[in-house]
Amino acid sequence: MESPPKFTVAHYRPAWWLPGGHLQTLGGKYLRRSGPFPYTRERIDTPDGDFLDLDFGPDPDPGAPLVLLLHGLEGFTQRPYMIQAVQALRAKGMASVGLNFRSCSGEMNLQPRMYHSGGTEDVDHVLRFLRDRWPNRPFGAIGFSLGGNVLLKLLGEREDGGTGLLKAAVGISVPYDLAAGAVYLEQGSLGWLYARYFLKQLKVKVKAKEGLLSPLLDLRKVYASTTLREFDDHATGPLHGFEDAADYYRQSSCGQFLHRVKVPTLLFHARNDPFLPPRAIPHEIVGKNPYLFPAFARRGGHVGFLGGQIPGLPTFWTEDQGTRFFKEIFGSA
C-alpha cells in the first residue's frame, strides 16, 4: 500500500457578521447558490428490487476525476450545498454525480425501507456501477452530515479501508457519534427547531408509504414522535433491522470505523456545530490515522464554514479547500 500523502489545509477565518454556530448553519443554507440546477438524471436498479436516482453534473472530460456527492438528512441533489459543490468541482476540471438516497429524489421508493445513517449498501452499489462504466477514471466522494457518516462507515468497514472504491474523500460536519448528537439536539437551545423541521418531512414520507409500513411499524407512535430519537425508536430502527434507536446509533456511528480508513480523507468540523457536542469530535482517532486530514475549526456551524469580510458576500472554506484537496490527491495519484 502506498504511503499516505501530505496535505495542509488553509486557515479558516469565519465571517465576523455570522457569529455563533446557528447563524453559520443558517447562513450555509441560505447564502449558498440555489437551484434548480440542470442535472442529467439516470435511474439505476438495486439488488432488492428498488431504484436509485443519480443526478450527473456537467462532465468536462470523460477521463477527468468523478466525485460522488452524498447529501444529509432529508436532503437531495438540489440543496444549495450540493449545487455549489458541483460548481466548485467543475471549476477545477472535475465531474460530479449526486446520489439521492431512497425516498429523496422526488419520487417515493418501492421498498418499505428508506435510508439511514449507517446504510452503506446503496453507496457501495452506486460506486461499483460507476466503476463498471468508467473503469479507468479516478473516483472521489463528498459526504455532507448524514451522507458523511455513511461514507466514512463504508470506507472503514471494508477490509481494504476503501481503497478499492475511491482515491480520495471529504467529510463535512459528520455526526461521528449518533447517540451523542441526538442528546445534544434534544438539550440544545434550538434543537427542538431543527428536530421539528426534520420530523415534519420524515412523517410526510411515512404517511406516503402507510400501505407498506403499517404491517411493520406502530404508526401511532411514529406520528406521536416529538424528537428524532423517538422517531428512530419507532421508525428508523425497526424498519432497518435494529432493536431500537440506541442499537441503531451504536451500530451506525462512523466514529468506530475511522481507524480503518485507508483512503486520503479530509474532514471538516466545527466545535460550535449544533448537531454534535465538541467532546464527540474524534480528535485522537483522527490524529492516529495518517490517511485522515483534520480540518477542525472553533467556529463554522453545521455545513456552514462561511468566511468573508463583507456582509452578504461570503466565501466558502469547504468548497475551496475540498476541491484543492481533490486536485492534489488526484494529481499525486
Protein backbone atom coordinates (compact mmCIF):
# COMPACT_ATOMS: atom_id res chain seq x y z
CA MET A 1 0.00 0.00 0.00
CA GLU A 2 1.21 3.48 -0.88
CA SER A 3 2.32 5.77 1.94
CA PRO A 4 -0.18 8.48 2.97
CA PRO A 5 0.05 11.76 1.02
CA LYS A 6 0.73 15.15 2.56
CA PHE A 7 -1.78 17.97 2.69
CA THR A 8 -2.08 21.15 4.73
CA VAL A 9 -5.44 22.86 4.91
CA ALA A 10 -5.51 26.67 4.71
CA HIS A 11 -6.54 28.58 7.83
CA TYR A 12 -10.24 29.34 8.16
CA ARG A 13 -11.34 32.87 9.05
CA PRO A 14 -15.06 32.84 9.92
CA ALA A 15 -17.28 35.66 8.71
CA TRP A 16 -17.47 38.15 11.60
CA TRP A 17 -21.06 39.00 10.60
CA LEU A 18 -22.24 35.43 11.25
CA PRO A 19 -21.33 34.86 14.90
CA GLY A 20 -22.27 31.59 16.52
CA GLY A 21 -22.96 28.11 15.25
CA HIS A 22 -26.63 28.68 14.50
CA LEU A 23 -26.05 31.71 12.26
CA GLN A 24 -23.27 29.90 10.41
CA THR A 25 -25.60 26.92 9.91
CA LEU A 26 -28.43 29.11 8.60
CA GLY A 27 -26.00 31.14 6.51
CA GLY A 28 -24.74 27.95 4.92
CA LYS A 29 -28.29 27.05 3.98
CA TYR A 30 -29.48 30.40 2.64
CA LEU A 31 -26.32 32.10 1.31
CA ARG A 32 -25.12 29.33 -0.97
CA ARG A 33 -26.29 29.32 -4.58
CA SER A 34 -29.78 27.94 -5.01
CA GLY A 35 -31.23 25.87 -7.85
CA PRO A 36 -32.79 24.47 -9.82
CA PHE A 37 -29.59 23.07 -11.30
CA PRO A 38 -29.64 21.34 -14.73
CA TYR A 39 -28.58 17.83 -13.77
CA THR A 40 -28.86 14.84 -16.10
CA ARG A 41 -30.83 12.17 -14.23
CA GLU A 42 -30.27 8.45 -14.53
CA ARG A 43 -32.18 5.77 -12.64
CA ILE A 44 -30.49 2.52 -11.67
CA ASP A 45 -31.95 -0.61 -10.14
CA THR A 46 -30.91 -2.01 -6.76
CA PRO A 47 -30.43 -5.71 -5.97
CA ASP A 48 -33.55 -5.73 -3.73
CA GLY A 49 -35.95 -4.53 -6.41
CA ASP A 50 -35.84 -0.81 -5.71
CA PHE A 51 -34.29 2.12 -7.57
CA LEU A 52 -31.84 4.96 -7.02
CA ASP A 53 -31.83 8.26 -8.88
CA LEU A 54 -28.42 9.67 -9.83
CA ASP A 55 -28.05 13.28 -10.96
CA PHE A 56 -24.97 13.93 -13.10
CA GLY A 57 -23.44 17.37 -13.30
CA PRO A 58 -21.55 18.69 -16.34
CA ASP A 59 -18.74 16.37 -17.41
CA PRO A 60 -15.77 18.40 -18.69
CA ASP A 61 -13.77 15.35 -19.76
CA PRO A 62 -14.71 11.64 -19.73
CA GLY A 63 -11.28 10.94 -18.27
CA ALA A 64 -11.47 13.59 -15.53
CA PRO A 65 -11.96 12.59 -11.88
CA LEU A 66 -15.58 11.93 -10.92
CA VAL A 67 -16.79 12.83 -7.43
CA LEU A 68 -19.89 11.27 -5.84
CA LEU A 69 -21.90 13.64 -3.63
CA LEU A 70 -23.93 12.33 -0.68
CA HIS A 71 -26.47 14.67 0.92
CA GLY A 72 -27.57 14.97 4.53
CA LEU A 73 -30.76 14.09 6.40
CA GLU A 74 -33.81 14.85 4.24
CA GLY A 75 -31.60 16.41 1.59
CA PHE A 76 -31.42 15.83 -2.16
CA THR A 77 -29.28 16.94 -5.08
CA GLN A 78 -30.90 20.38 -5.40
CA ARG A 79 -29.80 21.50 -1.94
CA PRO A 80 -27.58 24.61 -2.22
CA TYR A 81 -24.58 22.85 -0.62
CA MET A 82 -24.84 20.10 -3.26
CA ILE A 83 -25.20 22.54 -6.16
CA GLN A 84 -22.28 24.66 -5.02
CA ALA A 85 -20.08 21.59 -4.63
CA VAL A 86 -20.89 20.60 -8.23
CA GLN A 87 -19.96 24.07 -9.46
CA ALA A 88 -16.75 24.19 -7.42
CA LEU A 89 -15.66 20.81 -8.75
CA ARG A 90 -16.47 21.80 -12.30
CA ALA A 91 -14.39 24.97 -11.95
CA LYS A 92 -11.41 22.74 -11.10
CA GLY A 93 -11.97 20.41 -14.05
CA MET A 94 -13.73 17.61 -12.17
CA ALA A 95 -17.08 15.96 -12.82
CA SER A 96 -19.68 15.06 -10.22
CA VAL A 97 -22.73 12.93 -9.65
CA GLY A 98 -25.20 13.30 -6.79
CA LEU A 99 -26.93 10.32 -5.23
CA ASN A 100 -30.47 10.89 -4.00
CA PHE A 101 -30.94 8.46 -1.13
CA ARG A 102 -34.06 6.30 -1.28
CA SER A 103 -37.24 8.42 -0.95
CA CYS A 104 -35.30 11.66 -1.54
CA SER A 105 -35.42 12.12 -5.31
CA GLY A 106 -38.98 13.45 -5.53
CA GLU A 107 -40.49 10.03 -6.12
CA MET A 108 -41.11 7.57 -3.29
CA ASN A 109 -39.07 4.39 -3.47
CA LEU A 110 -40.68 0.98 -3.87
CA GLN A 111 -39.50 -0.96 -0.82
CA PRO A 112 -40.56 -0.34 2.81
CA ARG A 113 -37.01 0.62 3.77
CA MET A 114 -35.77 4.12 3.05
CA TYR A 115 -32.31 5.34 4.09
CA HIS A 116 -30.42 5.86 7.33
CA SER A 117 -27.08 6.98 8.73
CA GLY A 118 -25.50 3.53 8.58
CA GLY A 119 -26.95 2.28 5.30
CA THR A 120 -23.84 1.77 3.18
CA GLU A 121 -25.18 -0.78 0.69
CA ASP A 122 -26.61 1.73 -1.76
CA VAL A 123 -23.47 3.87 -1.87
CA ASP A 124 -21.35 0.77 -2.42
CA HIS A 125 -23.73 -0.28 -5.21
CA VAL A 126 -23.51 3.13 -6.90
CA LEU A 127 -19.72 3.24 -6.74
CA ARG A 128 -19.49 -0.22 -8.29
CA PHE A 129 -21.92 0.88 -11.00
CA LEU A 130 -19.78 3.93 -11.77
CA ARG A 131 -16.60 1.85 -11.76
CA ASP A 132 -18.08 -0.60 -14.26
CA ARG A 133 -18.94 2.27 -16.59
CA TRP A 134 -15.61 4.10 -16.23
CA PRO A 135 -13.02 1.53 -15.12
CA ASN A 136 -10.05 3.87 -15.63
CA ARG A 137 -11.46 7.01 -14.07
CA PRO A 138 -10.30 8.34 -10.66
CA PHE A 139 -13.16 8.47 -8.16
CA GLY A 140 -13.75 10.60 -5.10
CA ALA A 141 -16.67 11.27 -2.78
CA ILE A 142 -18.01 14.06 -0.58
CA GLY A 143 -20.39 13.28 2.27
CA PHE A 144 -22.39 16.02 3.98
CA SER A 145 -23.60 15.34 7.54
CA LEU A 146 -25.55 12.04 7.41
CA GLY A 147 -24.02 11.36 3.99
CA GLY A 148 -20.57 11.81 5.52
CA ASN A 149 -21.37 9.26 8.22
CA VAL A 150 -22.46 6.75 5.57
CA LEU A 151 -19.33 7.42 3.51
CA LEU A 152 -16.85 7.04 6.38
CA LYS A 153 -18.59 3.93 7.69
CA LEU A 154 -18.44 2.37 4.23
CA LEU A 155 -14.71 3.03 3.89
CA GLY A 156 -13.88 1.82 7.39
CA GLU A 157 -15.96 -1.35 7.32
CA ARG A 158 -14.19 -2.64 4.20
CA GLU A 159 -11.11 -4.84 4.58
CA ASP A 160 -9.15 -2.61 2.18
CA GLY A 161 -10.14 0.58 4.04
CA GLY A 162 -11.98 1.81 0.96
CA THR A 163 -9.06 1.82 -1.47
CA GLY A 164 -10.96 -0.44 -3.85
CA LEU A 165 -13.65 2.20 -4.22
CA LEU A 166 -12.09 5.66 -4.01
CA LYS A 167 -8.87 7.63 -4.40
CA ALA A 168 -9.96 10.48 -2.08
CA ALA A 169 -12.85 11.54 0.14
CA VAL A 170 -14.17 14.57 2.02
CA GLY A 171 -16.50 14.55 5.03
CA ILE A 172 -18.27 17.75 6.10
CA SER A 173 -19.96 18.14 9.52
CA VAL A 174 -20.14 14.40 10.08
CA PRO A 175 -22.12 13.16 13.14
CA TYR A 176 -19.40 10.77 14.33
CA ASP A 177 -21.42 9.69 17.40
CA LEU A 178 -25.12 9.48 16.58
CA ALA A 179 -26.27 8.95 20.15
CA ALA A 180 -24.32 11.96 21.41
CA GLY A 181 -25.73 14.03 18.57
CA ALA A 182 -29.31 13.03 19.35
CA VAL A 183 -28.93 14.01 23.02
CA TYR A 184 -27.21 17.26 22.06
CA LEU A 185 -30.10 18.23 19.77
CA GLU A 186 -32.66 17.45 22.45
CA GLN A 187 -30.82 19.55 25.04
CA GLY A 188 -29.73 22.41 22.79
CA SER A 189 -31.48 25.77 22.90
CA LEU A 190 -32.65 25.47 19.30
CA GLY A 191 -32.53 21.70 18.99
CA TRP A 192 -36.31 21.46 19.02
CA LEU A 193 -36.44 23.72 15.96
CA TYR A 194 -34.08 21.55 13.93
CA ALA A 195 -35.88 18.40 15.09
CA ARG A 196 -39.30 19.80 14.15
CA TYR A 197 -38.00 20.68 10.68
CA PHE A 198 -36.70 17.15 10.03
CA LEU A 199 -39.57 15.34 11.76
CA LYS A 200 -42.18 17.09 9.65
CA GLN A 201 -40.53 15.86 6.45
CA LEU A 202 -39.92 12.35 7.75
CA LYS A 203 -43.52 11.93 8.88
CA VAL A 204 -44.79 13.06 5.47
CA LYS A 205 -42.80 10.22 3.92
CA VAL A 206 -44.18 7.71 6.39
CA LYS A 207 -47.68 8.93 5.52
CA ALA A 208 -46.97 8.43 1.82
CA LYS A 209 -45.92 4.81 2.49
CA GLU A 210 -48.57 3.85 5.05
CA GLY A 211 -49.70 0.88 2.99
CA LEU A 212 -46.22 -0.64 3.10
CA LEU A 213 -45.32 0.43 6.62
CA SER A 214 -48.47 -0.25 8.64
CA PRO A 215 -47.74 -4.00 8.97
CA LEU A 216 -44.17 -3.23 10.11
CA LEU A 217 -44.44 -0.20 12.41
CA ASP A 218 -46.66 1.16 15.13
CA LEU A 219 -47.67 4.24 13.16
CA ARG A 220 -49.45 5.80 16.12
CA LYS A 221 -46.14 6.01 17.97
CA VAL A 222 -44.31 7.16 14.85
CA TYR A 223 -46.65 10.11 14.32
CA ALA A 224 -46.54 10.97 18.03
CA SER A 225 -42.73 11.31 17.98
CA THR A 226 -41.54 14.73 19.12
CA THR A 227 -37.76 14.14 18.88
CA LEU A 228 -35.55 12.45 16.31
CA ARG A 229 -34.61 9.85 18.91
CA GLU A 230 -38.28 8.91 19.35
CA PHE A 231 -38.72 8.70 15.59
CA ASP A 232 -35.65 6.47 15.32
CA ASP A 233 -37.01 4.32 18.15
CA HIS A 234 -40.32 3.72 16.42
CA ALA A 235 -39.46 4.01 12.72
CA THR A 236 -35.85 4.15 11.57
CA GLY A 237 -34.59 1.44 13.92
CA PRO A 238 -37.21 -1.30 13.46
CA LEU A 239 -37.65 -0.56 9.75
CA HIS A 240 -33.97 -1.23 9.07
CA GLY A 241 -33.33 -4.20 11.33
CA PHE A 242 -32.28 -2.52 14.58
CA GLU A 243 -33.80 -3.18 18.00
CA ASP A 244 -34.34 0.49 18.77
CA ALA A 245 -32.71 3.89 18.41
CA ALA A 246 -29.87 3.01 20.79
CA ASP A 247 -28.99 -0.09 18.77
CA TYR A 248 -29.24 1.89 15.53
CA TYR A 249 -26.92 4.61 16.83
CA ARG A 250 -24.45 2.11 18.26
CA GLN A 251 -24.07 0.12 15.06
CA SER A 252 -24.24 3.02 12.61
CA SER A 253 -21.95 5.68 14.11
CA CYS A 254 -18.91 6.03 11.87
CA GLY A 255 -16.50 7.05 14.64
CA GLN A 256 -15.78 3.42 15.45
CA PHE A 257 -14.65 2.77 11.85
CA LEU A 258 -12.30 5.73 11.37
CA HIS A 259 -9.13 3.90 12.40
CA ARG A 260 -9.57 1.51 9.46
CA VAL A 261 -9.97 4.11 6.70
CA LYS A 262 -7.11 3.93 4.19
CA VAL A 263 -8.40 6.46 1.66
CA PRO A 264 -6.97 10.01 1.98
CA THR A 265 -9.88 11.83 3.59
CA LEU A 266 -10.30 15.49 4.54
CA LEU A 267 -12.62 16.06 7.50
CA PHE A 268 -14.28 19.44 8.18
CA HIS A 269 -15.91 20.03 11.54
CA ALA A 270 -16.66 22.93 13.88
CA ARG A 271 -16.69 22.92 17.66
CA ASN A 272 -19.86 25.01 17.59
CA ASP A 273 -21.74 22.59 15.33
CA PRO A 274 -25.25 22.49 16.88
CA PHE A 275 -25.68 18.84 15.82
CA LEU A 276 -22.75 17.31 17.72
CA PRO A 277 -21.15 18.13 21.11
CA PRO A 278 -17.47 19.15 20.94
CA ARG A 279 -16.45 16.16 23.08
CA ALA A 280 -17.70 13.81 20.32
CA ILE A 281 -15.28 15.16 17.71
CA PRO A 282 -12.77 12.27 17.31
CA HIS A 283 -9.52 14.23 17.62
CA GLU A 284 -7.47 11.32 18.99
CA ILE A 285 -8.61 8.70 16.47
CA VAL A 286 -8.15 11.06 13.54
CA GLY A 287 -4.73 12.07 14.80
CA LYS A 288 -3.56 8.46 14.82
CA ASN A 289 -4.64 7.67 11.26
CA PRO A 290 -2.27 9.23 8.68
CA TYR A 291 -4.92 8.94 5.96
CA LEU A 292 -7.26 11.32 7.78
CA PHE A 293 -6.68 15.07 7.48
CA PRO A 294 -8.49 17.10 10.16
CA ALA A 295 -9.86 20.50 9.22
CA PHE A 296 -11.32 21.10 12.67
CA ALA A 297 -12.24 24.69 13.50
CA ARG A 298 -13.57 26.53 16.54
CA ARG A 299 -16.41 28.05 14.53
CA GLY A 300 -18.32 27.21 11.38
CA GLY A 301 -21.64 25.70 12.45
CA HIS A 302 -23.15 22.73 10.62
CA VAL A 303 -22.30 22.63 6.89
CA GLY A 304 -21.60 26.35 7.16
CA PHE A 305 -17.96 27.48 7.27
CA LEU A 306 -18.64 30.85 5.67
CA GLY A 307 -15.88 33.45 5.51
CA GLY A 308 -15.56 36.91 4.02
CA GLN A 309 -15.40 40.42 5.43
CA ILE A 310 -18.33 41.92 3.53
CA PRO A 311 -21.79 41.07 4.93
CA GLY A 312 -23.84 39.13 2.43
CA LEU A 313 -20.85 38.28 0.24
CA PRO A 314 -19.45 35.11 1.80
CA THR A 315 -16.57 32.90 0.82
CA PHE A 316 -16.83 29.14 1.28
CA TRP A 317 -13.96 27.37 3.02
CA THR A 318 -15.10 23.78 2.47
CA GLU A 319 -15.63 24.22 -1.27
CA ASP A 320 -12.28 25.95 -1.70
CA GLN A 321 -10.20 23.57 0.39
CA GLY A 322 -12.12 20.44 -0.57
CA THR A 323 -11.55 20.94 -4.29
CA ARG A 324 -7.89 21.79 -3.66
CA PHE A 325 -7.57 18.56 -1.68
CA PHE A 326 -9.02 16.52 -4.54
CA LYS A 327 -6.75 18.19 -7.07
CA GLU A 328 -3.65 17.43 -5.03
CA ILE A 329 -4.61 13.83 -4.24
CA PHE A 330 -5.71 13.03 -7.78
CA GLY A 331 -2.63 14.78 -9.15
CA SER A 332 -0.26 12.77 -6.95
CA ALA A 333 -2.04 9.54 -7.88
